[in-house]
């Protein structure tokens, strides 16, 4: 379905207190009037090698998407390693 989307980028502290990405997700905004609840599956990109994983753990710099269009469109995401990272529930009141 085409139309407007909300793209979420959730951040929080890691073990060392660094602000790191906790998850990305996107959902289409409903067009029908009324109250709508949507549950968004969140995901985070992962390093592709053990060395990158170890380096990012020590430095506190984790992989992040620089363009929110990657989250919204999904194009190019099939070649990116991601890990499921929980859910976020949003409510829309559409008039």
Protein backbone atom coordinates (compact mmCIF):
# COMPACT_ATOMS: atom_id res chain seq x y z
CA UNK A 1 0.00 0.00 0.00
CA UNK A 2 1.29 3.42 -0.98
CA UNK A 3 0.83 6.53 1.10
CA UNK A 4 2.38 8.28 4.06
CA UNK A 5 4.48 6.32 6.52
CA UNK A 6 5.93 6.92 9.94
CA UNK A 7 9.55 5.77 10.27
CA UNK A 8 10.76 5.06 13.80
CA UNK A 9 14.36 5.20 15.00
CA UNK A 10 14.59 4.19 18.66
CA UNK A 11 17.78 4.94 20.63
CA UNK A 12 18.89 4.02 24.14
CA UNK A 13 21.99 3.51 26.27
CA UNK A 14 24.18 0.42 25.89
CA UNK A 15 26.18 -1.33 28.63
CA UNK A 16 28.75 1.52 28.64
CA UNK A 17 26.16 4.34 28.59
CA UNK A 18 26.63 5.14 24.89
CA UNK A 19 23.49 6.19 23.03
CA UNK A 20 22.99 3.45 20.39
CA UNK A 21 20.22 2.46 18.02
CA UNK A 22 17.77 0.04 19.62
CA UNK A 23 15.60 -0.49 16.57
CA UNK A 24 14.12 0.75 13.31
CA UNK A 25 10.65 0.24 11.97
CA UNK A 26 8.03 1.74 9.66
CA UNK A 27 4.25 1.67 9.35
CA UNK A 28 1.76 3.12 6.87
CA UNK A 29 -0.62 5.73 8.28
CA UNK A 30 -4.26 4.55 7.98
CA UNK A 31 -6.65 6.59 5.78
CA UNK A 32 -9.92 5.34 7.30
CA UNK A 33 -11.38 7.54 10.07
CA UNK A 34 -11.31 6.09 13.56
CA UNK A 35 -8.87 4.73 16.10
CA UNK A 36 -6.23 2.34 14.75
CA UNK A 37 -3.57 0.41 16.63
CA UNK A 38 -0.51 -0.91 14.79
CA UNK A 39 2.29 -3.10 16.10
CA UNK A 40 5.59 -2.42 14.36
CA UNK A 41 8.30 -5.08 14.22
CA UNK A 42 11.62 -3.39 15.01
CA UNK A 43 15.02 -4.45 13.69
CA UNK A 44 18.66 -3.37 13.91
CA UNK A 45 21.47 -3.76 11.36
CA UNK A 46 24.26 -6.14 12.35
CA UNK A 47 27.97 -6.22 11.57
CA UNK A 48 28.87 -8.83 8.98
CA UNK A 49 32.07 -10.11 10.57
CA UNK A 50 33.18 -11.13 14.06
CA UNK A 51 35.95 -8.50 13.95
CA UNK A 52 33.44 -5.74 13.16
CA UNK A 53 31.15 -7.00 15.93
CA UNK A 54 33.99 -6.99 18.46
CA UNK A 55 35.23 -3.56 17.35
CA UNK A 56 31.74 -2.04 17.53
CA UNK A 57 31.21 -3.53 21.00
CA UNK A 58 34.45 -1.97 22.33
CA UNK A 59 34.01 1.41 20.65
CA UNK A 60 30.28 1.73 21.29
CA UNK A 61 29.76 2.46 17.58
CA UNK A 62 27.13 0.11 16.20
CA UNK A 63 25.93 -0.13 12.59
CA UNK A 64 23.22 2.43 11.76
CA UNK A 65 21.24 3.41 8.69
CA UNK A 66 22.11 6.91 7.52
CA UNK A 67 19.04 7.29 5.28
CA UNK A 68 15.52 6.71 6.69
CA UNK A 69 14.36 5.77 3.17
CA UNK A 70 16.10 2.42 3.66
CA UNK A 71 13.68 1.68 6.50
CA UNK A 72 10.60 3.03 4.69
CA UNK A 73 11.16 1.47 1.26
CA UNK A 74 13.01 -1.68 2.13
CA UNK A 75 14.98 -1.44 -1.12
CA UNK A 76 18.53 -2.65 -0.59
CA UNK A 77 17.64 -4.03 2.83
CA UNK A 78 17.68 -7.60 1.53
CA UNK A 79 21.48 -7.40 1.32
CA UNK A 80 21.79 -5.94 4.81
CA UNK A 81 22.05 -8.30 7.77
CA UNK A 82 19.46 -7.33 10.39
CA UNK A 83 18.27 -8.78 13.67
CA UNK A 84 14.73 -8.61 15.05
CA UNK A 85 14.61 -6.30 18.06
CA UNK A 86 11.12 -6.38 19.55
CA UNK A 87 7.98 -4.40 18.81
CA UNK A 88 6.54 -0.91 19.22
CA UNK A 89 2.78 -0.32 19.33
CA UNK A 90 1.38 2.98 18.03
CA UNK A 91 -2.18 4.32 18.05
CA UNK A 92 -3.63 6.58 15.36
CA UNK A 93 -6.75 8.73 15.74
CA UNK A 94 -7.74 9.54 12.15
CA UNK A 95 -10.40 12.15 11.38
